[in-house]
Amino acid sequence: MKNIKDSITCIGKIINTHGIKGELKVEPYTFDNKRFSKLKSLYVGDDLTEFFIKKVRVNDFVYITFEGFENINDVINLKGSEIYIKDEDRLALDENQYYISDIIGKKVYDTDNKYIGTLKDVLEYPANDIFIIESDDKSIYQIPAVKEFIKKIDSTITIKLIEGMIL
């Protein structure tokens, strides 16, 4: 039987409560904040408790109220929890777009097929994302996630290095 943890994607984190009526402030990990309005339920926290969505408001953050949890005391314990959806509810991505959770942990090689390390994190910035790569000796490399440097992503990641990028 397939474990639910093998088929979910993290799409945000509950960063605070908002008001006294059970509304939660969510930091979205998605490029389309309006996607929350199309969901019927979410899985919350390490135990992946399913909550059904009553109301969603979207601006810079996402504000969610769950059915049956309309009081701050009902939801305050959810603060700090990550929220997940089933993979089948993920948005379709354009070519050369990836879910961060799908590429974390991939092995990274240069264009000469020399092993560099493992992708540990992706930092998201307005100009471009930054790939954080950790080598076997625990050195940390930061590579801009732009076409000039990220040449291919499949079962591994191939990057083009320039002089001084990795010491």
Protein backbone atom coordinates (compact mmCIF):
# COMPACT_ATOMS: atom_id res chain seq x y z
CA MET A 1 0.00 0.00 0.00
CA LYS A 2 1.36 3.43 -0.98
CA ASN A 3 2.22 5.76 1.90
CA ILE A 4 0.56 9.21 1.62
CA LYS A 5 3.94 10.84 2.39
CA ASP A 6 5.18 9.51 -0.96
CA SER A 7 2.47 11.36 -2.90
CA ILE A 8 2.19 14.83 -1.36
CA THR A 9 3.76 18.21 -2.04
CA CYS A 10 4.38 21.00 0.45
CA ILE A 11 2.77 24.23 -0.79
CA GLY A 12 3.13 26.52 2.20
CA LYS A 13 3.62 27.10 5.89
CA ILE A 14 1.20 28.43 8.49
CA ILE A 15 3.09 31.39 9.94
CA ASN A 16 0.48 32.85 12.26
CA THR A 17 -3.15 33.15 13.19
CA HIS A 18 -5.11 36.17 11.96
CA GLY A 19 -7.87 37.57 14.14
CA ILE A 20 -9.92 35.53 16.60
CA LYS A 21 -12.18 33.60 14.18
CA GLY A 22 -9.75 30.79 13.31
CA GLU A 23 -8.20 32.35 10.23
CA LEU A 24 -4.61 31.27 9.49
CA LYS A 25 -1.92 33.27 7.73
CA VAL A 26 -0.02 31.09 5.25
CA GLU A 27 3.29 31.77 3.54
CA PRO A 28 2.77 30.14 0.13
CA TYR A 29 5.50 28.08 -1.53
CA THR A 30 3.82 28.30 -4.91
CA PHE A 31 3.98 30.68 -7.87
CA ASP A 32 0.17 30.98 -8.00
CA ASN A 33 -1.39 32.06 -4.69
CA LYS A 34 -4.87 31.89 -6.22
CA ARG A 35 -4.47 28.11 -6.50
CA PHE A 36 -5.49 27.85 -2.82
CA SER A 37 -9.01 28.99 -3.76
CA LYS A 38 -9.42 25.90 -5.95
CA LEU A 39 -8.57 23.39 -3.22
CA LYS A 40 -11.14 21.54 -1.13
CA SER A 41 -8.75 20.28 1.56
CA LEU A 42 -5.16 20.43 2.79
CA TYR A 43 -2.95 18.17 4.88
CA VAL A 44 -1.31 19.91 7.82
CA GLY A 45 1.73 19.16 9.96
CA ASP A 46 3.94 16.12 10.39
CA ASP A 47 0.95 13.86 11.06
CA LEU A 48 -0.73 15.08 7.82
CA THR A 49 -4.13 15.75 9.36
CA GLU A 50 -6.64 16.55 6.62
CA PHE A 51 -8.55 19.83 7.01
CA PHE A 52 -11.38 20.93 4.75
CA ILE A 53 -11.25 24.51 3.55
CA LYS A 54 -14.11 26.83 4.42
CA LYS A 55 -12.72 30.15 3.17
CA VAL A 56 -9.62 31.50 1.39
CA ARG A 57 -8.46 35.12 1.02
CA VAL A 58 -5.43 35.99 -1.09
CA ASN A 59 -3.11 39.00 -1.19
CA ASP A 60 0.65 38.92 -0.46
CA PHE A 61 -0.11 36.02 1.87
CA VAL A 62 -2.90 33.46 1.86
CA TYR A 63 -5.48 33.43 4.66
CA ILE A 64 -7.36 30.18 5.23
CA THR A 65 -10.21 29.17 7.51
CA PHE A 66 -10.95 25.47 7.98
CA GLU A 67 -14.44 24.03 8.37
CA GLY A 68 -15.27 23.46 12.04
CA PHE A 69 -12.27 25.51 13.25
CA GLU A 70 -13.66 29.03 13.52
CA ASN A 71 -11.96 30.04 16.78
CA ILE A 72 -8.35 31.07 17.37
CA ASN A 73 -8.08 28.49 20.16
CA ASP A 74 -8.95 25.71 17.66
CA VAL A 75 -6.06 26.56 15.33
CA ILE A 76 -3.28 28.19 17.36
CA ASN A 77 -1.52 24.82 17.66
CA LEU A 78 -1.20 24.73 13.83
CA LYS A 79 1.13 27.75 13.80
CA GLY A 80 4.48 26.75 12.28
CA SER A 81 3.06 23.71 10.48
CA GLU A 82 3.68 23.09 6.82
CA ILE A 83 0.71 22.42 4.56
CA TYR A 84 0.53 19.83 1.81
CA ILE A 85 -1.62 18.75 -1.11
CA LYS A 86 -1.89 15.43 -2.90
CA ASP A 87 0.40 15.29 -5.93
CA GLU A 88 -2.63 14.85 -8.17
CA ASP A 89 -3.75 18.36 -7.10
CA ARG A 90 -0.48 19.99 -8.17
CA LEU A 91 -0.56 22.61 -10.92
CA ALA A 92 0.87 21.69 -14.30
CA LEU A 93 4.23 23.32 -14.89
CA ASP A 94 5.69 24.77 -18.06
CA GLU A 95 8.78 23.28 -19.66
CA ASN A 96 11.90 23.91 -17.53
CA GLN A 97 9.82 24.56 -14.40
CA TYR A 98 10.14 22.18 -11.46
CA TYR A 99 8.67 21.68 -8.06
CA ILE A 100 11.46 22.35 -5.58
CA SER A 101 10.52 19.24 -3.62
CA ASP A 102 11.10 17.17 -6.78
CA ILE A 103 14.69 18.36 -7.30
CA ILE A 104 15.98 18.58 -3.71
CA GLY A 105 18.39 15.71 -3.13
CA LYS A 106 19.42 15.32 -6.79
CA LYS A 107 23.10 14.76 -7.51
CA VAL A 108 24.81 17.68 -9.24
CA TYR A 109 27.53 17.29 -11.91
CA ASP A 110 29.40 19.79 -14.04
CA THR A 111 29.37 19.69 -17.84
CA ASP A 112 32.51 17.49 -17.73
CA ASN A 113 30.52 14.94 -15.66
CA LYS A 114 32.53 15.72 -12.50
CA TYR A 115 30.49 15.20 -9.32
CA ILE A 116 29.94 18.48 -7.45
CA GLY A 117 27.50 17.53 -4.67
CA THR A 118 23.81 17.28 -3.80
CA LEU A 119 21.14 19.95 -4.15
CA LYS A 120 20.18 20.77 -0.55
CA ASP A 121 17.93 23.81 -0.96
CA VAL A 122 16.62 26.40 -3.38
CA LEU A 123 16.49 30.02 -2.27
CA GLU A 124 13.85 32.04 -4.08
CA TYR A 125 14.64 35.63 -5.00
CA PRO A 126 12.91 38.08 -7.37
CA ALA A 127 15.76 38.10 -9.92
CA ASN A 128 16.39 34.34 -9.91
CA ASP A 129 16.52 31.34 -7.63
CA ILE A 130 19.78 30.14 -6.08
CA PHE A 131 20.65 26.44 -5.89
CA ILE A 132 22.40 25.49 -2.65
CA ILE A 133 24.69 22.54 -3.31
CA GLU A 134 26.55 20.64 -0.60
CA SER A 135 29.64 18.63 -1.50
CA ASP A 136 30.83 15.46 0.24
CA ASP A 137 33.33 17.52 2.27
CA LYS A 138 30.42 19.71 3.46
CA SER A 139 31.43 22.71 1.34
CA ILE A 140 28.43 24.79 0.32
CA TYR A 141 28.08 26.26 -3.16
CA GLN A 142 25.53 28.79 -4.34
CA ILE A 143 24.72 28.57 -8.03
CA PRO A 144 22.29 30.98 -9.73
CA ALA A 145 19.41 28.99 -11.23
CA VAL A 146 19.61 30.53 -14.67
CA LYS A 147 20.03 28.90 -18.09
CA GLU A 148 23.63 30.08 -18.32
CA PHE A 149 24.57 27.81 -15.39
CA ILE A 150 21.83 25.17 -15.07
CA LYS A 151 22.19 23.14 -18.25
CA LYS A 152 19.97 20.12 -17.62
CA ILE A 153 17.66 18.71 -14.97
CA ASP A 154 16.54 15.10 -15.21
CA SER A 155 17.57 12.28 -12.87
CA THR A 156 20.58 14.50 -12.04
CA ILE A 157 21.40 18.20 -12.43
CA THR A 158 24.10 19.35 -14.83
CA ILE A 159 25.65 22.77 -14.25
CA LYS A 160 28.17 24.86 -16.17
CA LEU A 161 30.88 26.25 -13.93
CA ILE A 162 32.82 29.42 -14.57
CA GLU A 163 36.16 30.35 -13.08
CA GLY A 164 35.84 31.26 -9.41
CA MET A 165 32.34 29.82 -8.98
CA ILE A 166 33.63 26.87 -6.96
CA LEU A 167 36.93 27.15 -5.13
